[in-house]
PDB file of N, CA and C in Angstrom:
ATOM      1  N   UNK A   1       0.828  -1.180   0.000  1.00  0.00           N
ATOM      2  CA  UNK A   1       0.000   0.000   0.000  1.00  0.00           C
ATOM      3  C   UNK A   1       0.876   1.249   0.000  1.00  0.00           C
ATOM      4  N   UNK A   2       0.470   2.230  -0.738  1.00  0.00           N
ATOM      5  CA  UNK A   2       1.153   3.518  -0.747  1.00  0.00           C
ATOM      6  C   UNK A   2       0.491   4.416   0.282  1.00  0.00           C
ATOM      7  N   UNK A   3       1.286   4.958   1.180  1.00  0.00           N
ATOM      8  CA  UNK A   3       0.775   5.810   2.248  1.00  0.00           C
ATOM      9  C   UNK A   3       0.029   7.016   1.679  1.00  0.00           C
ATOM     10  N   UNK A   4       0.548   7.580   0.621  1.00  0.00           N
ATOM     11  CA  UNK A   4      -0.053   8.780   0.041  1.00  0.00           C
ATOM     12  C   UNK A   4      -1.446   8.522  -0.532  1.00  0.00           C
ATOM     13  N   UNK A   5      -1.778   7.264  -0.800  1.00  0.00           N
ATOM     14  CA  UNK A   5      -3.083   6.948  -1.368  1.00  0.00           C
ATOM     15  C   UNK A   5      -4.218   7.030  -0.352  1.00  0.00           C
ATOM     16  N   UNK A   6      -3.907   6.997   0.942  1.00  0.00           N
ATOM     17  CA  UNK A   6      -4.982   6.977   1.943  1.00  0.00           C
ATOM     18  C   UNK A   6      -5.053   8.234   2.801  1.00  0.00           C
ATOM     19  N   UNK A   7      -4.092   9.126   2.663  1.00  0.00           N
ATOM     20  CA  UNK A   7      -4.049  10.320   3.505  1.00  0.00           C
ATOM     21  C   UNK A   7      -4.486  11.556   2.744  1.00  0.00           C
ATOM     22  N   UNK A   8      -5.087  12.500   3.466  1.00  0.00           N
ATOM     23  CA  UNK A   8      -5.401  13.783   2.831  1.00  0.00           C
ATOM     24  C   UNK A   8      -4.130  14.637   2.818  1.00  0.00           C
ATOM     25  N   UNK A   9      -4.200  15.775   2.206  1.00  0.00           N
ATOM     26  CA  UNK A   9      -3.014  16.610   2.021  1.00  0.00           C
ATOM     27  C   UNK A   9      -2.392  17.064   3.345  1.00  0.00           C
ATOM     28  N   UNK A  10      -3.204  17.436   4.304  1.00  0.00           N
ATOM     29  CA  UNK A  10      -2.695  17.872   5.614  1.00  0.00           C
ATOM     30  C   UNK A  10      -1.971  16.736   6.315  1.00  0.00           C
ATOM     31  N   UNK A  11      -2.563  15.554   6.300  1.00  0.00           N
ATOM     32  CA  UNK A  11      -1.942  14.390   6.934  1.00  0.00           C
ATOM     33  C   UNK A  11      -0.643  14.020   6.228  1.00  0.00           C
ATOM     34  N   UNK A  12      -0.672  14.047   4.914  1.00  0.00           N
ATOM     35  CA  UNK A  12       0.515  13.753   4.115  1.00  0.00           C
ATOM     36  C   UNK A  12       1.645  14.720   4.458  1.00  0.00           C
ATOM     37  N   UNK A  13       1.351  16.008   4.483  1.00  0.00           N
ATOM     38  CA  UNK A  13       2.358  17.027   4.808  1.00  0.00           C
ATOM     39  C   UNK A  13       2.899  16.843   6.225  1.00  0.00           C
ATOM     40  N   UNK A  14       2.021  16.485   7.150  1.00  0.00           N
ATOM     41  CA  UNK A  14       2.455  16.250   8.522  1.00  0.00           C
ATOM     42  C   UNK A  14       3.466  15.108   8.584  1.00  0.00           C
ATOM     43  N   UNK A  15       3.131  13.985   7.998  1.00  0.00           N
ATOM     44  CA  UNK A  15       4.052  12.844   8.032  1.00  0.00           C
ATOM     45  C   UNK A  15       5.356  13.173   7.325  1.00  0.00           C
ATOM     46  N   UNK A  16       5.249  13.847   6.213  1.00  0.00           N
ATOM     47  CA  UNK A  16       6.440  14.223   5.446  1.00  0.00           C
ATOM     48  C   UNK A  16       7.372  15.103   6.283  1.00  0.00           C
ATOM     49  N   UNK A  17       6.819  15.975   7.099  1.00  0.00           N
ATOM     50  CA  UNK A  17       7.646  16.872   7.905  1.00  0.00           C
ATOM     51  C   UNK A  17       8.236  16.189   9.143  1.00  0.00           C
ATOM     52  N   UNK A  18       7.609  15.132   9.629  1.00  0.00           N
ATOM     53  CA  UNK A  18       8.082  14.457  10.835  1.00  0.00           C
ATOM     54  C   UNK A  18       8.860  13.168  10.573  1.00  0.00           C
ATOM     55  N   UNK A  19       8.612  12.560   9.437  1.00  0.00           N
ATOM     56  CA  UNK A  19       9.245  11.280   9.115  1.00  0.00           C
ATOM     57  C   UNK A  19       9.858  11.359   7.725  1.00  0.00           C
ATOM     58  N   UNK A  20      11.014  11.984   7.650  1.00  0.00           N
ATOM     59  CA  UNK A  20      11.660  12.255   6.374  1.00  0.00           C
ATOM     60  C   UNK A  20      12.074  10.992   5.622  1.00  0.00           C
ATOM     61  N   UNK A  21      12.285   9.897   6.331  1.00  0.00           N
ATOM     62  CA  UNK A  21      12.761   8.673   5.677  1.00  0.00           C
ATOM     63  C   UNK A  21      11.646   7.892   4.975  1.00  0.00           C
ATOM     64  N   UNK A  22      10.406   8.253   5.201  1.00  0.00           N
ATOM     65  CA  UNK A  22       9.310   7.543   4.544  1.00  0.00           C
ATOM     66  C   UNK A  22       9.237   7.915   3.072  1.00  0.00           C
ATOM     67  N   UNK A  23       8.911   6.927   2.267  1.00  0.00           N
ATOM     68  CA  UNK A  23       8.704   7.144   0.845  1.00  0.00           C
ATOM     69  C   UNK A  23       7.207   6.990   0.591  1.00  0.00           C
ATOM     70  N   UNK A  24       6.553   8.074   0.292  1.00  0.00           N
ATOM     71  CA  UNK A  24       5.102   8.075   0.228  1.00  0.00           C
ATOM     72  C   UNK A  24       4.553   7.419  -1.036  1.00  0.00           C
ATOM     73  N   UNK A  25       5.342   7.294  -2.062  1.00  0.00           N
ATOM     74  CA  UNK A  25       4.883   6.667  -3.312  1.00  0.00           C
ATOM     75  C   UNK A  25       5.245   5.185  -3.370  1.00  0.00           C
ATOM     76  N   UNK A  26       5.947   4.695  -2.378  1.00  0.00           N
ATOM     77  CA  UNK A  26       6.398   3.302  -2.350  1.00  0.00           C
ATOM     78  C   UNK A  26       5.295   2.385  -1.814  1.00  0.00           C
ATOM     79  N   UNK A  27       5.218   1.190  -2.368  1.00  0.00           N
ATOM     80  CA  UNK A  27       4.306   0.183  -1.830  1.00  0.00           C
ATOM     81  C   UNK A  27       4.965  -0.485  -0.636  1.00  0.00           C
ATOM     82  N   UNK A  28       4.316  -0.385   0.517  1.00  0.00           N
ATOM     83  CA  UNK A  28       4.847  -0.980   1.748  1.00  0.00           C
ATOM     84  C   UNK A  28       4.151  -2.308   2.035  1.00  0.00           C
ATOM     85  N   UNK A  29       4.914  -3.235   2.579  1.00  0.00           N
ATOM     86  CA  UNK A  29       4.339  -4.515   3.004  1.00  0.00           C
ATOM     87  C   UNK A  29       3.552  -4.301   4.289  1.00  0.00           C
ATOM     88  N   UNK A  30       2.771  -5.280   4.669  1.00  0.00           N
ATOM     89  CA  UNK A  30       2.010  -5.192   5.912  1.00  0.00           C
ATOM     90  C   UNK A  30       2.930  -5.015   7.115  1.00  0.00           C
ATOM     91  N   UNK A  31       4.045  -5.741   7.139  1.00  0.00           N
ATOM     92  CA  UNK A  31       4.996  -5.621   8.255  1.00  0.00           C
ATOM     93  C   UNK A  31       5.611  -4.234   8.321  1.00  0.00           C
ATOM     94  N   UNK A  32       5.921  -3.667   7.166  1.00  0.00           N
ATOM     95  CA  UNK A  32       6.482  -2.317   7.139  1.00  0.00           C
ATOM     96  C   UNK A  32       5.461  -1.293   7.619  1.00  0.00           C
ATOM     97  N   UNK A  33       4.208  -1.486   7.236  1.00  0.00           N
ATOM     98  CA  UNK A  33       3.156  -0.571   7.686  1.00  0.00           C
ATOM     99  C   UNK A  33       2.970  -0.640   9.195  1.00  0.00           C
ATOM    100  N   UNK A  34       3.121  -1.820   9.760  1.00  0.00           N
ATOM    101  CA  UNK A  34       3.036  -1.968  11.209  1.00  0.00           C
ATOM    102  C   UNK A  34       4.158  -1.180  11.880  1.00  0.00           C
ATOM    103  N   UNK A  35       5.362  -1.254  11.326  1.00  0.00           N
ATOM    104  CA  UNK A  35       6.490  -0.489  11.875  1.00  0.00           C
ATOM    105  C   UNK A  35       6.243   1.011  11.769  1.00  0.00           C
ATOM    106  N   UNK A  36       5.723   1.454  10.645  1.00  0.00           N
ATOM    107  CA  UNK A  36       5.414   2.877  10.453  1.00  0.00           C
ATOM    108  C   UNK A  36       4.353   3.322  11.450  1.00  0.00           C
ATOM    109  N   UNK A  37       3.321   2.512  11.587  1.00  0.00           N
ATOM    110  CA  UNK A  37       2.250   2.832  12.537  1.00  0.00           C
ATOM    111  C   UNK A  37       2.798   2.939  13.960  1.00  0.00           C
ATOM    112  N   UNK A  38       3.721   2.069  14.326  1.00  0.00           N
ATOM    113  CA  UNK A  38       4.322   2.113  15.666  1.00  0.00           C
ATOM    114  C   UNK A  38       5.105   3.406  15.883  1.00  0.00           C
ATOM    115  N   UNK A  39       5.829   3.859  14.874  1.00  0.00           N
ATOM    116  CA  UNK A  39       6.575   5.117  14.982  1.00  0.00           C
ATOM    117  C   UNK A  39       5.623   6.299  15.161  1.00  0.00           C
ATOM    118  N   UNK A  40       4.564   6.305  14.379  1.00  0.00           N
ATOM    119  CA  UNK A  40       3.583   7.380  14.482  1.00  0.00           C
ATOM    120  C   UNK A  40       2.886   7.320  15.842  1.00  0.00           C
ATOM    121  N   UNK A  41       2.591   6.114  16.283  1.00  0.00           N
ATOM    122  CA  UNK A  41       1.952   5.919  17.581  1.00  0.00           C
ATOM    123  C   UNK A  41       2.836   6.426  18.724  1.00  0.00           C
ATOM    124  N   UNK A  42       4.143   6.215  18.611  1.00  0.00           N
ATOM    125  CA  UNK A  42       5.075   6.724  19.628  1.00  0.00           C
ATOM    126  C   UNK A  42       4.985   8.242  19.733  1.00  0.00           C
ATOM    127  N   UNK A  43       4.920   8.912  18.596  1.00  0.00           N
ATOM    128  CA  UNK A  43       4.783  10.364  18.582  1.00  0.00           C
ATOM    129  C   UNK A  43       3.434  10.767  19.191  1.00  0.00           C
ATOM    130  N   UNK A  44       2.395  10.032  18.850  1.00  0.00           N
ATOM    131  CA  UNK A  44       1.049  10.301  19.372  1.00  0.00           C
ATOM    132  C   UNK A  44       1.021  10.195  20.886  1.00  0.00           C
ATOM    133  N   UNK A  45       1.578   9.125  21.422  1.00  0.00           N
ATOM    134  CA  UNK A  45       1.581   8.919  22.869  1.00  0.00           C
ATOM    135  C   UNK A  45       2.476   9.957  23.554  1.00  0.00           C
ATOM    136  N   UNK A  46       3.608  10.264  22.950  1.00  0.00           N
ATOM    137  CA  UNK A  46       4.558  11.184  23.565  1.00  0.00           C
ATOM    138  C   UNK A  46       4.160  12.649  23.520  1.00  0.00           C
ATOM    139  N   UNK A  47       3.484  13.065  22.447  1.00  0.00           N
ATOM    140  CA  UNK A  47       3.183  14.489  22.285  1.00  0.00           C
ATOM    141  C   UNK A  47       1.729  14.786  21.947  1.00  0.00           C
ATOM    142  N   UNK A  48       0.906  13.751  21.926  1.00  0.00           N
ATOM    143  CA  UNK A  48      -0.474  13.928  21.521  1.00  0.00           C
ATOM    144  C   UNK A  48      -1.420  14.358  22.625  1.00  0.00           C
ATOM    145  N   UNK A  49      -0.907  14.422  23.865  1.00  0.00           N
ATOM    146  CA  UNK A  49      -1.764  14.751  24.995  1.00  0.00           C
ATOM    147  C   UNK A  49      -1.080  15.751  25.921  1.00  0.00           C
ATOM    148  N   UNK A  50      -1.888  16.578  26.560  1.00  0.00           N
ATOM    149  CA  UNK A  50      -1.361  17.469  27.593  1.00  0.00           C
ATOM    150  C   UNK A  50      -1.113  16.642  28.851  1.00  0.00           C
ATOM    151  N   UNK A  51      -0.479  17.231  29.837  1.00  0.00           N
ATOM    152  CA  UNK A  51      -0.259  16.488  31.084  1.00  0.00           C
ATOM    153  C   UNK A  51      -1.568  16.195  31.806  1.00  0.00           C
ATOM    154  N   UNK A  52      -2.637  16.897  31.434  1.00  0.00           N
ATOM    155  CA  UNK A  52      -3.958  16.649  32.005  1.00  0.00           C
ATOM    156  C   UNK A  52      -4.749  15.599  31.213  1.00  0.00           C
ATOM    157  N   UNK A  53      -4.124  15.054  30.175  1.00  0.00           N
ATOM    158  CA  UNK A  53      -4.768  14.016  29.385  1.00  0.00           C
ATOM    159  C   UNK A  53      -5.646  14.514  28.252  1.00  0.00           C
ATOM    160  N   UNK A  54      -5.616  15.820  28.011  1.00  0.00           N
ATOM    161  CA  UNK A  54      -6.393  16.391  26.907  1.00  0.00           C
ATOM    162  C   UNK A  54      -5.635  16.194  25.598  1.00  0.00           C
ATOM    163  N   UNK A  55      -6.364  15.955  24.527  1.00  0.00           N
ATOM    164  CA  UNK A  55      -5.773  15.781  23.211  1.00  0.00           C
ATOM    165  C   UNK A  55      -5.236  17.120  22.710  1.00  0.00           C
ATOM    166  N   UNK A  56      -3.978  17.142  22.296  1.00  0.00           N
ATOM    167  CA  UNK A  56      -3.376  18.357  21.757  1.00  0.00           C
ATOM    168  C   UNK A  56      -3.723  18.493  20.277  1.00  0.00           C
ATOM    169  N   UNK A  57      -3.366  19.617  19.696  1.00  0.00           N
ATOM    170  CA  UNK A  57      -3.575  19.825  18.266  1.00  0.00           C
ATOM    171  C   UNK A  57      -2.809  18.763  17.469  1.00  0.00           C
ATOM    172  N   UNK A  58      -1.599  18.466  17.916  1.00  0.00           N
ATOM    173  CA  UNK A  58      -0.791  17.433  17.270  1.00  0.00           C
ATOM    174  C   UNK A  58      -1.499  16.078  17.375  1.00  0.00           C
ATOM    175  N   UNK A  59      -2.027  15.777  18.530  1.00  0.00           N
ATOM    176  CA  UNK A  59      -2.751  14.529  18.733  1.00  0.00           C
ATOM    177  C   UNK A  59      -3.969  14.414  17.836  1.00  0.00           C
ATOM    178  N   UNK A  60      -4.667  15.529  17.644  1.00  0.00           N
ATOM    179  CA  UNK A  60      -5.840  15.544  16.776  1.00  0.00           C
ATOM    180  C   UNK A  60      -5.457  15.255  15.330  1.00  0.00           C
ATOM    181  N   UNK A  61      -4.274  15.660  14.943  1.00  0.00           N
ATOM    182  CA  UNK A  61      -3.798  15.418  13.588  1.00  0.00           C
ATOM    183  C   UNK A  61      -3.308  13.973  13.418  1.00  0.00           C
ATOM    184  N   UNK A  62      -2.667  13.441  14.438  1.00  0.00           N
ATOM    185  CA  UNK A  62      -2.094  12.098  14.351  1.00  0.00           C
ATOM    186  C   UNK A  62      -3.169  11.009  14.427  1.00  0.00           C
ATOM    187  N   UNK A  63      -4.176  11.205  15.233  1.00  0.00           N
ATOM    188  CA  UNK A  63      -5.184  10.170  15.472  1.00  0.00           C
ATOM    189  C   UNK A  63      -5.796   9.583  14.189  1.00  0.00           C
ATOM    190  N   UNK A  64      -6.279  10.400  13.261  1.00  0.00           N
ATOM    191  CA  UNK A  64      -6.858   9.816  12.046  1.00  0.00           C
ATOM    192  C   UNK A  64      -5.814   9.142  11.153  1.00  0.00           C
ATOM    193  N   UNK A  65      -4.571   9.590  11.218  1.00  0.00           N
ATOM    194  CA  UNK A  65      -3.513   8.962  10.430  1.00  0.00           C
ATOM    195  C   UNK A  65      -3.301   7.528  10.895  1.00  0.00           C
ATOM    196  N   UNK A  66      -3.201   7.358  12.206  1.00  0.00           N
ATOM    197  CA  UNK A  66      -3.027   6.015  12.770  1.00  0.00           C
ATOM    198  C   UNK A  66      -4.220   5.141  12.402  1.00  0.00           C
ATOM    199  N   UNK A  67      -5.424   5.699  12.505  1.00  0.00           N
ATOM    200  CA  UNK A  67      -6.629   4.939  12.169  1.00  0.00           C
ATOM    201  C   UNK A  67      -6.606   4.486  10.704  1.00  0.00           C
ATOM    202  N   UNK A  68      -6.274   5.386   9.805  1.00  0.00           N
ATOM    203  CA  UNK A  68      -6.275   5.053   8.382  1.00  0.00           C
ATOM    204  C   UNK A  68      -5.233   3.994   8.048  1.00  0.00           C
ATOM    205  N   UNK A  69      -4.049   4.118   8.628  1.00  0.00           N
ATOM    206  CA  UNK A  69      -2.993   3.142   8.341  1.00  0.00           C
ATOM    207  C   UNK A  69      -3.360   1.781   8.937  1.00  0.00           C
ATOM    208  N   UNK A  70      -3.905   1.773  10.138  1.00  0.00           N
ATOM    209  CA  UNK A  70      -4.239   0.495  10.768  1.00  0.00           C
ATOM    210  C   UNK A  70      -5.411  -0.201  10.080  1.00  0.00           C
ATOM    211  N   UNK A  71      -6.298   0.557   9.447  1.00  0.00           N
ATOM    212  CA  UNK A  71      -7.441  -0.014   8.754  1.00  0.00           C
ATOM    213  C   UNK A  71      -7.092  -0.534   7.362  1.00  0.00           C
ATOM    214  N   UNK A  72      -5.957  -0.126   6.840  1.00  0.00           N
ATOM    215  CA  UNK A  72      -5.623  -0.540   5.472  1.00  0.00           C
ATOM    216  C   UNK A  72      -4.866  -1.842   5.430  1.00  0.00           C
TER     217      UNK A  72
END
């Protein structure tokens, strides 16, 4: 699956700015997608919430990306 095929422009730009090593036009295997999802999930857990547990702007952007990748 190509990551760029399932993301909107904002999500695509976000990943491109945070994960420079990803190739968005490349077909990834299921195992590779799991690794990518784990990296994105690490960012989500680390910076996606305030210390009070509220979802940050970054978290709001990451959440649908993780959902789309995990559903594909």
